Structures are given as structure tokens and as C-alpha cells.
Amino acid sequence: RKSAQMILKLREYGISDPAEINCYKSVVRGNFHESLGLHYVMFL
């Protein structure tokens, strides 16, 4: 749920810069794992 909300909010706030996306993700996660973590750090 948090991962899905994170993606929706990224679109809502218009955050597209990779560095800002990483910052946003680290803030939302609070820790360093999430259900779509490998999509970001390995698949893409």
C-alpha cells in the first residue's frame, strides 16, 4: 500500500528528477526496503 501510494504521490506532486525521487522514497519508506525496491534499484 505504501509503495503504491508513493508512486501516486510522485505523479501528483510532479517529482521526476531521479535524485528527488530517491530522496522522496527514502523519506516515505522510513527504512531501506519496500515491496517495489528491486524495481527501482535493479530492474530499471
All heavy atoms as atom14 arrays in JSON, in Angstrom:
{
  "sequence": "RKSAQMILKLREYGISDPAEINCYKSVVRGNFHESLGLHYVMFL",
  "atom14_mask": [
    [1, 1, 1, 1, 1, 1, 1, 1, 1, 1, 1, 0, 0, 0],
    [1, 1, 1, 1, 1, 1, 1, 1, 1, 0, 0, 0, 0, 0],
    [1, 1, 1, 1, 1, 1, 0, 0, 0, 0, 0, 0, 0, 0],
    [1, 1, 1, 1, 1, 0, 0, 0, 0, 0, 0, 0, 0, 0],
    [1, 1, 1, 1, 1, 1, 1, 1, 1, 0, 0, 0, 0, 0],
    [1, 1, 1, 1, 1, 1, 1, 1, 0, 0, 0, 0, 0, 0],
    [1, 1, 1, 1, 1, 1, 1, 1, 0, 0, 0, 0, 0, 0],
    [1, 1, 1, 1, 1, 1, 1, 1, 0, 0, 0, 0, 0, 0],
    [1, 1, 1, 1, 1, 1, 1, 1, 1, 0, 0, 0, 0, 0],
    [1, 1, 1, 1, 1, 1, 1, 1, 0, 0, 0, 0, 0, 0],
    [1, 1, 1, 1, 1, 1, 1, 1, 1, 1, 1, 0, 0, 0],
    [1, 1, 1, 1, 1, 1, 1, 1, 1, 0, 0, 0, 0, 0],
    [1, 1, 1, 1, 1, 1, 1, 1, 1, 1, 1, 1, 0, 0],
    [1, 1, 1, 1, 0, 0, 0, 0, 0, 0, 0, 0, 0, 0],
    [1, 1, 1, 1, 1, 1, 1, 1, 0, 0, 0, 0, 0, 0],
    [1, 1, 1, 1, 1, 1, 0, 0, 0, 0, 0, 0, 0, 0],
    [1, 1, 1, 1, 1, 1, 1, 1, 0, 0, 0, 0, 0, 0],
    [1, 1, 1, 1, 1, 1, 1, 0, 0, 0, 0, 0, 0, 0],
    [1, 1, 1, 1, 1, 0, 0, 0, 0, 0, 0, 0, 0, 0],
    [1, 1, 1, 1, 1, 1, 1, 1, 1, 0, 0, 0, 0, 0],
    [1, 1, 1, 1, 1, 1, 1, 1, 0, 0, 0, 0, 0, 0],
    [1, 1, 1, 1, 1, 1, 1, 1, 0, 0, 0, 0, 0, 0],
    [1, 1, 1, 1, 1, 1, 0, 0, 0, 0, 0, 0, 0, 0],
    [1, 1, 1, 1, 1, 1, 1, 1, 1, 1, 1, 1, 0, 0],
    [1, 1, 1, 1, 1, 1, 1, 1, 1, 0, 0, 0, 0, 0],
    [1, 1, 1, 1, 1, 1, 0, 0, 0, 0, 0, 0, 0, 0],
    [1, 1, 1, 1, 1, 1, 1, 0, 0, 0, 0, 0, 0, 0],
    [1, 1, 1, 1, 1, 1, 1, 0, 0, 0, 0, 0, 0, 0],
    [1, 1, 1, 1, 1, 1, 1, 1, 1, 1, 1, 0, 0, 0],
    [1, 1, 1, 1, 0, 0, 0, 0, 0, 0, 0, 0, 0, 0],
    [1, 1, 1, 1, 1, 1, 1, 1, 0, 0, 0, 0, 0, 0],
    [1, 1, 1, 1, 1, 1, 1, 1, 1, 1, 1, 0, 0, 0],
    [1, 1, 1, 1, 1, 1, 1, 1, 1, 1, 0, 0, 0, 0],
    [1, 1, 1, 1, 1, 1, 1, 1, 1, 0, 0, 0, 0, 0],
    [1, 1, 1, 1, 1, 1, 0, 0, 0, 0, 0, 0, 0, 0],
    [1, 1, 1, 1, 1, 1, 1, 1, 0, 0, 0, 0, 0, 0],
    [1, 1, 1, 1, 0, 0, 0, 0, 0, 0, 0, 0, 0, 0],
    [1, 1, 1, 1, 1, 1, 1, 1, 0, 0, 0, 0, 0, 0],
    [1, 1, 1, 1, 1, 1, 1, 1, 1, 1, 0, 0, 0, 0],
    [1, 1, 1, 1, 1, 1, 1, 1, 1, 1, 1, 1, 0, 0],
    [1, 1, 1, 1, 1, 1, 1, 0, 0, 0, 0, 0, 0, 0],
    [1, 1, 1, 1, 1, 1, 1, 1, 0, 0, 0, 0, 0, 0],
    [1, 1, 1, 1, 1, 1, 1, 1, 1, 1, 1, 0, 0, 0],
    [1, 1, 1, 1, 1, 1, 1, 1, 0, 0, 0, 0, 0, 0]
  ],
  "atom14_positions": [
    [[0.84, -1.21, 0.0], [0.0, 0.0, 0.0], [0.87, 1.26, 0.0], [0.62, 2.19, -0.77], [-0.91, 0.0, 1.23], [-1.83, 1.24, 1.31], [-2.69, 1.23, 2.56], [-1.92, 1.34, 3.78], [-1.42, 2.49, 4.25], [-1.62, 3.62, 3.59], [-0.73, 2.53, 5.37], [0.0, 0.0, 0.0], [0.0, 0.0, 0.0], [0.0, 0.0, 0.0]],
    [[1.91, 1.28, 0.84], [2.8, 2.45, 0.9], [3.51, 2.66, -0.44], [3.65, 3.79, -0.91], [3.83, 2.29, 2.02], [3.31, 2.62, 3.4], [4.39, 2.46, 4.45], [5.43, 3.55, 4.36], [6.42, 3.46, 5.46], [0.0, 0.0, 0.0], [0.0, 0.0, 0.0], [0.0, 0.0, 0.0], [0.0, 0.0, 0.0], [0.0, 0.0, 0.0]],
    [[3.96, 1.56, -1.05], [4.65, 1.66, -2.33], [3.73, 2.23, -3.4], [4.12, 3.09, -4.19], [5.18, 0.29, -2.77], [6.16, -0.16, -1.88], [0.0, 0.0, 0.0], [0.0, 0.0, 0.0], [0.0, 0.0, 0.0], [0.0, 0.0, 0.0], [0.0, 0.0, 0.0], [0.0, 0.0, 0.0], [0.0, 0.0, 0.0], [0.0, 0.0, 0.0]],
    [[2.49, 1.73, -3.44], [1.53, 2.22, -4.43], [1.21, 3.7, -4.18], [1.17, 4.5, -5.13], [0.25, 1.38, -4.37], [0.0, 0.0, 0.0], [0.0, 0.0, 0.0], [0.0, 0.0, 0.0], [0.0, 0.0, 0.0], [0.0, 0.0, 0.0], [0.0, 0.0, 0.0], [0.0, 0.0, 0.0], [0.0, 0.0, 0.0], [0.0, 0.0, 0.0]],
    [[0.99, 4.07, -2.92], [0.72, 5.47, -2.59], [1.9, 6.36, -2.97], [1.72, 7.48, -3.45], [0.44, 5.61, -1.09], [-0.94, 5.16, -0.67], [-2.05, 6.04, -1.25], [-1.82, 7.19, -1.63], [-3.25, 5.51, -1.34], [0.0, 0.0, 0.0], [0.0, 0.0, 0.0], [0.0, 0.0, 0.0], [0.0, 0.0, 0.0], [0.0, 0.0, 0.0]],
    [[3.11, 5.85, -2.76], [4.3, 6.62, -3.09], [4.34, 6.96, -4.58], [4.63, 8.1, -4.96], [5.55, 5.82, -2.7], [6.86, 6.55, -2.9], [8.22, 5.58, -2.24], [8.21, 4.18, -3.34], [0.0, 0.0, 0.0], [0.0, 0.0, 0.0], [0.0, 0.0, 0.0], [0.0, 0.0, 0.0], [0.0, 0.0, 0.0], [0.0, 0.0, 0.0]],
    [[4.02, 5.97, -5.41], [4.03, 6.21, -6.86], [2.95, 7.22, -7.24], [3.19, 8.14, -8.04], [3.81, 4.87, -7.6], [5.01, 3.94, -7.36], [3.6, 5.11, -9.09], [4.74, 2.5, -7.69], [0.0, 0.0, 0.0], [0.0, 0.0, 0.0], [0.0, 0.0, 0.0], [0.0, 0.0, 0.0], [0.0, 0.0, 0.0], [0.0, 0.0, 0.0]],
    [[1.76, 7.08, -6.67], [0.67, 8.02, -6.97], [1.03, 9.44, -6.54], [0.73, 10.41, -7.25], [-0.62, 7.56, -6.28], [-1.2, 6.23, -6.76], [-2.37, 5.81, -5.87], [-1.66, 6.33, -8.21], [0.0, 0.0, 0.0], [0.0, 0.0, 0.0], [0.0, 0.0, 0.0], [0.0, 0.0, 0.0], [0.0, 0.0, 0.0], [0.0, 0.0, 0.0]],
    [[1.68, 9.57, -5.39], [2.05, 10.9, -4.89], [3.16, 11.52, -5.73], [3.19, 12.73, -5.95], [2.49, 10.81, -3.43], [1.41, 10.36, -2.47], [0.29, 11.39, -2.34], [-0.77, 10.93, -1.36], [-1.86, 11.91, -1.19], [0.0, 0.0, 0.0], [0.0, 0.0, 0.0], [0.0, 0.0, 0.0], [0.0, 0.0, 0.0], [0.0, 0.0, 0.0]],
    [[4.09, 10.69, -6.21], [5.14, 11.2, -7.1], [4.52, 11.87, -8.32], [4.95, 12.93, -8.77], [6.08, 10.07, -7.53], [7.1, 9.58, -6.5], [7.79, 8.32, -6.99], [8.14, 10.65, -6.22], [0.0, 0.0, 0.0], [0.0, 0.0, 0.0], [0.0, 0.0, 0.0], [0.0, 0.0, 0.0], [0.0, 0.0, 0.0], [0.0, 0.0, 0.0]],
    [[3.49, 11.22, -8.85], [2.79, 11.79, -10.02], [2.04, 13.06, -9.61], [2.08, 14.07, -10.33], [1.81, 10.77, -10.59], [2.49, 9.56, -11.21], [1.45, 8.51, -11.6], [2.08, 7.33, -12.17], [1.46, 6.16, -12.3], [0.2, 6.03, -11.91], [2.08, 5.12, -12.82], [0.0, 0.0, 0.0], [0.0, 0.0, 0.0], [0.0, 0.0, 0.0]],
    [[1.36, 13.0, -8.47], [0.57, 14.14, -8.02], [1.44, 15.37, -7.79], [1.07, 16.48, -8.15], [-0.16, 13.76, -6.72], [-1.03, 14.88, -6.15], [-1.66, 14.48, -4.82], [-1.82, 13.26, -4.57], [-1.97, 15.39, -4.02], [0.0, 0.0, 0.0], [0.0, 0.0, 0.0], [0.0, 0.0, 0.0], [0.0, 0.0, 0.0], [0.0, 0.0, 0.0]],
    [[2.62, 15.16, -7.19], [3.49, 16.29, -6.87], [4.41, 16.67, -8.03], [5.15, 17.64, -7.94], [4.35, 15.97, -5.64], [3.55, 15.67, -4.39], [3.99, 14.72, -3.47], [2.35, 16.32, -4.12], [3.28, 14.43, -2.31], [1.62, 16.04, -2.98], [2.08, 15.1, -2.08], [1.37, 14.81, -0.94], [0.0, 0.0, 0.0], [0.0, 0.0, 0.0]],
    [[4.39, 15.86, -9.1], [5.22, 16.18, -10.27], [6.7, 16.01, -10.02], [7.53, 16.72, -10.61], [0.0, 0.0, 0.0], [0.0, 0.0, 0.0], [0.0, 0.0, 0.0], [0.0, 0.0, 0.0], [0.0, 0.0, 0.0], [0.0, 0.0, 0.0], [0.0, 0.0, 0.0], [0.0, 0.0, 0.0], [0.0, 0.0, 0.0], [0.0, 0.0, 0.0]],
    [[7.08, 15.08, -9.15], [8.5, 14.83, -8.87], [9.03, 13.85, -9.91], [8.56, 12.72, -10.01], [8.69, 14.27, -7.45], [8.22, 15.31, -6.42], [10.13, 13.89, -7.18], [8.25, 14.8, -4.99], [0.0, 0.0, 0.0], [0.0, 0.0, 0.0], [0.0, 0.0, 0.0], [0.0, 0.0, 0.0], [0.0, 0.0, 0.0], [0.0, 0.0, 0.0]],
    [[10.01, 14.29, -10.7], [10.53, 13.44, -11.77], [12.06, 13.34, -11.77], [12.62, 12.45, -12.38], [10.07, 13.97, -13.14], [10.49, 15.31, -13.32], [0.0, 0.0, 0.0], [0.0, 0.0, 0.0], [0.0, 0.0, 0.0], [0.0, 0.0, 0.0], [0.0, 0.0, 0.0], [0.0, 0.0, 0.0], [0.0, 0.0, 0.0], [0.0, 0.0, 0.0]],
    [[12.74, 14.27, -11.09], [14.2, 14.21, -11.03], [14.63, 12.96, -10.26], [14.15, 12.71, -9.16], [14.74, 15.46, -10.33], [16.25, 15.43, -10.2], [16.93, 15.7, -11.2], [16.74, 15.13, -9.1], [0.0, 0.0, 0.0], [0.0, 0.0, 0.0], [0.0, 0.0, 0.0], [0.0, 0.0, 0.0], [0.0, 0.0, 0.0], [0.0, 0.0, 0.0]],
    [[15.54, 12.13, -10.81], [15.92, 10.87, -10.15], [16.42, 11.06, -8.72], [16.09, 10.28, -7.83], [17.03, 10.32, -11.06], [16.74, 10.9, -12.41], [16.17, 12.26, -12.15], [0.0, 0.0, 0.0], [0.0, 0.0, 0.0], [0.0, 0.0, 0.0], [0.0, 0.0, 0.0], [0.0, 0.0, 0.0], [0.0, 0.0, 0.0], [0.0, 0.0, 0.0]],
    [[17.22, 12.12, -8.49], [17.74, 12.36, -7.14], [16.6, 12.68, -6.18], [16.6, 12.21, -5.03], [18.75, 13.51, -7.17], [0.0, 0.0, 0.0], [0.0, 0.0, 0.0], [0.0, 0.0, 0.0], [0.0, 0.0, 0.0], [0.0, 0.0, 0.0], [0.0, 0.0, 0.0], [0.0, 0.0, 0.0], [0.0, 0.0, 0.0], [0.0, 0.0, 0.0]],
    [[15.61, 13.45, -6.65], [14.48, 13.8, -5.78], [13.57, 12.58, -5.55], [13.01, 12.43, -4.46], [13.69, 14.96, -6.38], [14.45, 16.28, -6.36], [13.54, 17.48, -6.54], [12.36, 17.28, -6.88], [14.02, 18.61, -6.34], [0.0, 0.0, 0.0], [0.0, 0.0, 0.0], [0.0, 0.0, 0.0], [0.0, 0.0, 0.0], [0.0, 0.0, 0.0]],
    [[13.45, 11.74, -6.56], [12.67, 10.51, -6.39], [13.31, 9.64, -5.31], [12.63, 9.11, -4.43], [12.55, 9.74, -7.72], [11.63, 10.5, -8.69], [12.0, 8.33, -7.49], [11.56, 9.9, -10.08], [0.0, 0.0, 0.0], [0.0, 0.0, 0.0], [0.0, 0.0, 0.0], [0.0, 0.0, 0.0], [0.0, 0.0, 0.0], [0.0, 0.0, 0.0]],
    [[14.64, 9.51, -5.36], [15.34, 8.71, -4.35], [15.15, 9.31, -2.96], [14.96, 8.59, -1.98], [16.83, 8.61, -4.69], [17.08, 7.67, -5.84], [16.3, 6.75, -6.08], [18.16, 7.88, -6.56], [0.0, 0.0, 0.0], [0.0, 0.0, 0.0], [0.0, 0.0, 0.0], [0.0, 0.0, 0.0], [0.0, 0.0, 0.0], [0.0, 0.0, 0.0]],
    [[15.23, 10.64, -2.87], [15.03, 11.32, -1.6], [13.62, 11.06, -1.08], [13.43, 10.72, 0.09], [15.28, 12.82, -1.76], [14.94, 13.79, -0.28], [0.0, 0.0, 0.0], [0.0, 0.0, 0.0], [0.0, 0.0, 0.0], [0.0, 0.0, 0.0], [0.0, 0.0, 0.0], [0.0, 0.0, 0.0], [0.0, 0.0, 0.0], [0.0, 0.0, 0.0]],
    [[12.64, 11.21, -1.96], [11.23, 11.0, -1.6], [11.01, 9.58, -1.1], [10.37, 9.35, -0.07], [10.36, 11.29, -2.82], [8.88, 11.16, -2.59], [8.11, 12.24, -2.18], [8.24, 9.94, -2.78], [6.75, 12.11, -1.96], [6.88, 9.8, -2.57], [6.14, 10.9, -2.17], [4.8, 10.76, -1.96], [0.0, 0.0, 0.0], [0.0, 0.0, 0.0]],
    [[11.58, 8.61, -1.82], [11.41, 7.21, -1.45], [12.0, 6.92, -0.08], [11.41, 6.22, 0.74], [12.06, 6.31, -2.5], [11.27, 6.16, -3.78], [12.12, 5.55, -4.87], [12.78, 4.29, -4.38], [13.89, 3.87, -5.24], [0.0, 0.0, 0.0], [0.0, 0.0, 0.0], [0.0, 0.0, 0.0], [0.0, 0.0, 0.0], [0.0, 0.0, 0.0]],
    [[13.2, 7.45, 0.17], [13.86, 7.18, 1.45], [13.08, 7.79, 2.61], [13.02, 7.23, 3.7], [15.3, 7.72, 1.44], [15.31, 9.13, 1.38], [0.0, 0.0, 0.0], [0.0, 0.0, 0.0], [0.0, 0.0, 0.0], [0.0, 0.0, 0.0], [0.0, 0.0, 0.0], [0.0, 0.0, 0.0], [0.0, 0.0, 0.0], [0.0, 0.0, 0.0]],
    [[12.45, 8.93, 2.36], [11.63, 9.57, 3.4], [10.38, 8.74, 3.68], [10.04, 8.46, 4.83], [11.24, 11.01, 2.98], [10.13, 11.55, 3.86], [12.45, 11.93, 3.04], [0.0, 0.0, 0.0], [0.0, 0.0, 0.0], [0.0, 0.0, 0.0], [0.0, 0.0, 0.0], [0.0, 0.0, 0.0], [0.0, 0.0, 0.0], [0.0, 0.0, 0.0]],
    [[9.69, 8.33, 2.63], [8.43, 7.6, 2.78], [8.67, 6.23, 3.41], [7.94, 5.8, 4.3], [7.72, 7.45, 1.42], [6.53, 6.51, 1.54], [7.27, 8.81, 0.93], [0.0, 0.0, 0.0], [0.0, 0.0, 0.0], [0.0, 0.0, 0.0], [0.0, 0.0, 0.0], [0.0, 0.0, 0.0], [0.0, 0.0, 0.0], [0.0, 0.0, 0.0]],
    [[9.72, 5.57, 2.97], [9.98, 4.22, 3.49], [10.29, 4.27, 4.98], [9.91, 3.38, 5.73], [11.16, 3.59, 2.75], [10.84, 3.13, 1.36], [11.94, 2.24, 0.83], [13.25, 2.83, 0.97], [14.03, 3.15, -0.05], [13.61, 2.98, -1.26], [15.23, 3.65, 0.15], [0.0, 0.0, 0.0], [0.0, 0.0, 0.0], [0.0, 0.0, 0.0]],
    [[11.04, 5.33, 5.4], [11.48, 5.38, 6.79], [12.6, 4.4, 7.02], [13.45, 4.61, 7.87], [0.0, 0.0, 0.0], [0.0, 0.0, 0.0], [0.0, 0.0, 0.0], [0.0, 0.0, 0.0], [0.0, 0.0, 0.0], [0.0, 0.0, 0.0], [0.0, 0.0, 0.0], [0.0, 0.0, 0.0], [0.0, 0.0, 0.0], [0.0, 0.0, 0.0]],
    [[12.65, 3.33, 6.23], [13.74, 2.38, 6.29], [14.19, 2.15, 4.85], [13.89, 2.94, 3.97], [13.29, 1.08, 6.98], [14.38, 0.53, 7.86], [15.5, 0.37, 7.41], [14.06, 0.23, 9.11], [0.0, 0.0, 0.0], [0.0, 0.0, 0.0], [0.0, 0.0, 0.0], [0.0, 0.0, 0.0], [0.0, 0.0, 0.0], [0.0, 0.0, 0.0]],
    [[14.9, 1.04, 4.6], [15.5, 0.9, 3.29], [14.96, -0.29, 2.5], [15.64, -0.86, 1.67], [17.03, 0.76, 3.41], [17.47, -0.2, 4.49], [17.55, -1.55, 4.23], [17.77, 0.26, 5.74], [17.94, -2.42, 5.21], [18.17, -0.6, 6.73], [18.25, -1.95, 6.47], [0.0, 0.0, 0.0], [0.0, 0.0, 0.0], [0.0, 0.0, 0.0]],
    [[13.72, -0.69, 2.76], [13.12, -1.78, 1.99], [11.65, -1.47, 1.74], [11.0, -0.8, 2.51], [13.25, -3.11, 2.72], [12.76, -3.06, 4.13], [11.43, -3.14, 4.46], [13.42, -2.9, 5.29], [11.29, -3.05, 5.76], [12.48, -2.89, 6.29], [0.0, 0.0, 0.0], [0.0, 0.0, 0.0], [0.0, 0.0, 0.0], [0.0, 0.0, 0.0]],
    [[11.16, -1.98, 0.63], [9.76, -1.8, 0.28], [9.42, -2.84, -0.77], [10.3, -3.49, -1.32], [9.5, -0.38, -0.23], [10.5, 0.07, -1.25], [9.9, 0.89, -2.38], [8.73, 0.7, -2.65], [10.64, 1.67, -2.96], [0.0, 0.0, 0.0], [0.0, 0.0, 0.0], [0.0, 0.0, 0.0], [0.0, 0.0, 0.0], [0.0, 0.0, 0.0]],
    [[8.15, -2.96, -1.09], [7.73, -4.05, -1.96], [8.22, -3.89, -3.39], [8.35, -4.87, -4.12], [6.21, -4.18, -1.95], [5.61, -2.99, -2.4], [0.0, 0.0, 0.0], [0.0, 0.0, 0.0], [0.0, 0.0, 0.0], [0.0, 0.0, 0.0], [0.0, 0.0, 0.0], [0.0, 0.0, 0.0], [0.0, 0.0, 0.0], [0.0, 0.0, 0.0]],
    [[8.47, -2.65, -3.82], [8.92, -2.42, -5.2], [10.38, -1.96, -5.24], [10.81, -1.33, -6.19], [8.03, -1.38, -5.87], [6.57, -1.81, -6.08], [5.77, -0.67, -6.68], [6.5, -3.03, -6.98], [0.0, 0.0, 0.0], [0.0, 0.0, 0.0], [0.0, 0.0, 0.0], [0.0, 0.0, 0.0], [0.0, 0.0, 0.0], [0.0, 0.0, 0.0]],
    [[11.13, -2.29, -4.18], [12.52, -1.83, -4.11], [13.36, -2.25, -5.29], [14.1, -1.44, -5.87], [0.0, 0.0, 0.0], [0.0, 0.0, 0.0], [0.0, 0.0, 0.0], [0.0, 0.0, 0.0], [0.0, 0.0, 0.0], [0.0, 0.0, 0.0], [0.0, 0.0, 0.0], [0.0, 0.0, 0.0], [0.0, 0.0, 0.0], [0.0, 0.0, 0.0]],
    [[13.26, -3.52, -5.69], [14.11, -4.0, -6.78], [13.68, -3.45, -8.13], [14.48, -3.41, -9.07], [14.13, -5.54, -6.82], [14.89, -6.23, -5.68], [15.09, -7.7, -6.0], [16.22, -5.57, -5.39], [0.0, 0.0, 0.0], [0.0, 0.0, 0.0], [0.0, 0.0, 0.0], [0.0, 0.0, 0.0], [0.0, 0.0, 0.0], [0.0, 0.0, 0.0]],
    [[12.44, -3.04, -8.26], [12.01, -2.38, -9.5], [12.84, -1.12, -9.73], [13.29, -0.85, -10.84], [10.53, -2.03, -9.43], [9.99, -1.36, -10.66], [9.49, -2.08, -11.73], [9.9, -0.05, -11.02], [9.11, -1.24, -12.69], [9.34, 0.0, -12.27], [0.0, 0.0, 0.0], [0.0, 0.0, 0.0], [0.0, 0.0, 0.0], [0.0, 0.0, 0.0]],
    [[13.06, -0.37, -8.62], [13.81, 0.88, -8.73], [15.32, 0.64, -8.86], [15.97, 1.24, -9.7], [13.58, 1.74, -7.49], [12.23, 2.4, -7.4], [11.25, 1.91, -6.55], [11.93, 3.53, -8.15], [10.01, 2.52, -6.45], [10.7, 4.14, -8.06], [9.74, 3.63, -7.21], [8.52, 4.24, -7.12], [0.0, 0.0, 0.0], [0.0, 0.0, 0.0]],
    [[15.86, -0.2, -7.98], [17.32, -0.25, -7.87], [17.98, -1.29, -8.76], [19.2, -1.25, -8.95], [17.76, -0.47, -6.4], [17.26, 0.64, -5.51], [17.32, -1.82, -5.87], [0.0, 0.0, 0.0], [0.0, 0.0, 0.0], [0.0, 0.0, 0.0], [0.0, 0.0, 0.0], [0.0, 0.0, 0.0], [0.0, 0.0, 0.0], [0.0, 0.0, 0.0]],
    [[17.2, -2.24, -9.32], [17.83, -3.25, -10.17], [17.15, -3.39, -11.54], [17.82, -3.43, -12.56], [17.87, -4.61, -9.45], [18.7, -4.57, -8.18], [19.14, -6.19, -7.53], [20.54, -6.62, -8.54], [0.0, 0.0, 0.0], [0.0, 0.0, 0.0], [0.0, 0.0, 0.0], [0.0, 0.0, 0.0], [0.0, 0.0, 0.0], [0.0, 0.0, 0.0]],
    [[15.82, -3.48, -11.55], [15.13, -3.7, -12.82], [15.29, -2.49, -13.75], [15.78, -2.61, -14.88], [13.65, -3.99, -12.56], [12.87, -4.39, -13.79], [13.03, -5.64, -14.35], [11.97, -3.5, -14.38], [12.3, -6.02, -15.48], [11.24, -3.87, -15.51], [11.41, -5.12, -16.06], [0.0, 0.0, 0.0], [0.0, 0.0, 0.0], [0.0, 0.0, 0.0]],
    [[14.9, -1.3, -13.27], [15.01, -0.1, -14.1], [16.44, 0.22, -14.5], [16.71, 0.48, -15.69], [14.38, 1.1, -13.38], [12.89, 1.36, -13.66], [12.38, 2.47, -12.75], [12.66, 1.73, -15.12], [0.0, 0.0, 0.0], [0.0, 0.0, 0.0], [0.0, 0.0, 0.0], [0.0, 0.0, 0.0], [0.0, 0.0, 0.0], [0.0, 0.0, 0.0]]
  ]
}
